[in-house]
C-alpha atoms as a PDB file:
ATOM      1  CA  UNK A   1       8.942  -0.162  21.757  1.00  0.00           C
ATOM      2  CA  UNK A   2       9.307  -3.697  20.490  1.00  0.00           C
ATOM      3  CA  UNK A   3      11.154  -2.482  17.376  1.00  0.00           C
ATOM      4  CA  UNK A   4      13.523  -0.407  19.495  1.00  0.00           C
ATOM      5  CA  UNK A   5      14.204  -3.390  21.717  1.00  0.00           C
ATOM      6  CA  UNK A   6      14.802  -5.766  18.787  1.00  0.00           C
ATOM      7  CA  UNK A   7      17.120  -3.302  17.100  1.00  0.00           C
ATOM      8  CA  UNK A   8      18.853  -2.177  20.300  1.00  0.00           C
ATOM      9  CA  UNK A   9      18.285   1.485  19.541  1.00  0.00           C
ATOM     10  CA  UNK A  10      16.430   4.327  21.274  1.00  0.00           C
ATOM     11  CA  UNK A  11      12.674   4.633  20.838  1.00  0.00           C
ATOM     12  CA  UNK A  12      13.154   8.184  19.542  1.00  0.00           C
ATOM     13  CA  UNK A  13      15.250   6.850  16.624  1.00  0.00           C
ATOM     14  CA  UNK A  14      12.573   4.340  15.735  1.00  0.00           C
ATOM     15  CA  UNK A  15       9.833   6.960  15.822  1.00  0.00           C
ATOM     16  CA  UNK A  16      11.883   9.355  13.746  1.00  0.00           C
ATOM     17  CA  UNK A  17      12.623   6.771  11.105  1.00  0.00           C
ATOM     18  CA  UNK A  18       9.005   5.596  10.896  1.00  0.00           C
ATOM     19  CA  UNK A  19       7.838   9.228  10.578  1.00  0.00           C
ATOM     20  CA  UNK A  20      10.335   9.838   7.732  1.00  0.00           C
ATOM     21  CA  UNK A  21       9.367   6.609   6.003  1.00  0.00           C
ATOM     22  CA  UNK A  22       5.669   7.537   6.089  1.00  0.00           C
ATOM     23  CA  UNK A  23       6.527  10.951   4.579  1.00  0.00           C
ATOM     24  CA  UNK A  24       8.555   9.320   1.833  1.00  0.00           C
ATOM     25  CA  UNK A  25       5.739   6.901   0.957  1.00  0.00           C
ATOM     26  CA  UNK A  26       3.206   9.718   0.927  1.00  0.00           C
ATOM     27  CA  UNK A  27       5.475  11.782  -1.338  1.00  0.00           C
ATOM     28  CA  UNK A  28       5.764   8.878  -3.792  1.00  0.00           C
ATOM     29  CA  UNK A  29       2.023   8.193  -3.790  1.00  0.00           C
ATOM     30  CA  UNK A  30       0.943  11.834  -4.119  1.00  0.00           C
ATOM     31  CA  UNK A  31       1.336  12.020  -7.938  1.00  0.00           C
ATOM     32  CA  UNK A  32      -0.626   8.826  -8.392  1.00  0.00           C
ATOM     33  CA  UNK A  33      -3.422  10.051  -6.223  1.00  0.00           C
ATOM     34  CA  UNK A  34      -3.502  13.452  -7.982  1.00  0.00           C
ATOM     35  CA  UNK A  35      -3.784  11.959 -11.459  1.00  0.00           C
ATOM     36  CA  UNK A  36      -6.537   9.594 -10.372  1.00  0.00           C
ATOM     37  CA  UNK A  37      -8.552  12.534  -9.002  1.00  0.00           C
ATOM     38  CA  UNK A  38      -8.063  14.478 -12.246  1.00  0.00           C
ATOM     39  CA  UNK A  39      -9.349  11.619 -14.405  1.00  0.00           C
ATOM     40  CA  UNK A  40     -12.438  11.213 -12.269  1.00  0.00           C
ATOM     41  CA  UNK A  41     -13.628  14.750 -12.783  1.00  0.00           C
END
């Protein structure tokens, strides 16, 4: 809510963008996490 207020945009927009950003970060990290698991076993 604070972010939406500070940016003068709807809370739904903020939630949507945060959700997409988390997905993008997870997608970038997935290969790194997969190779680490392979090396361990």
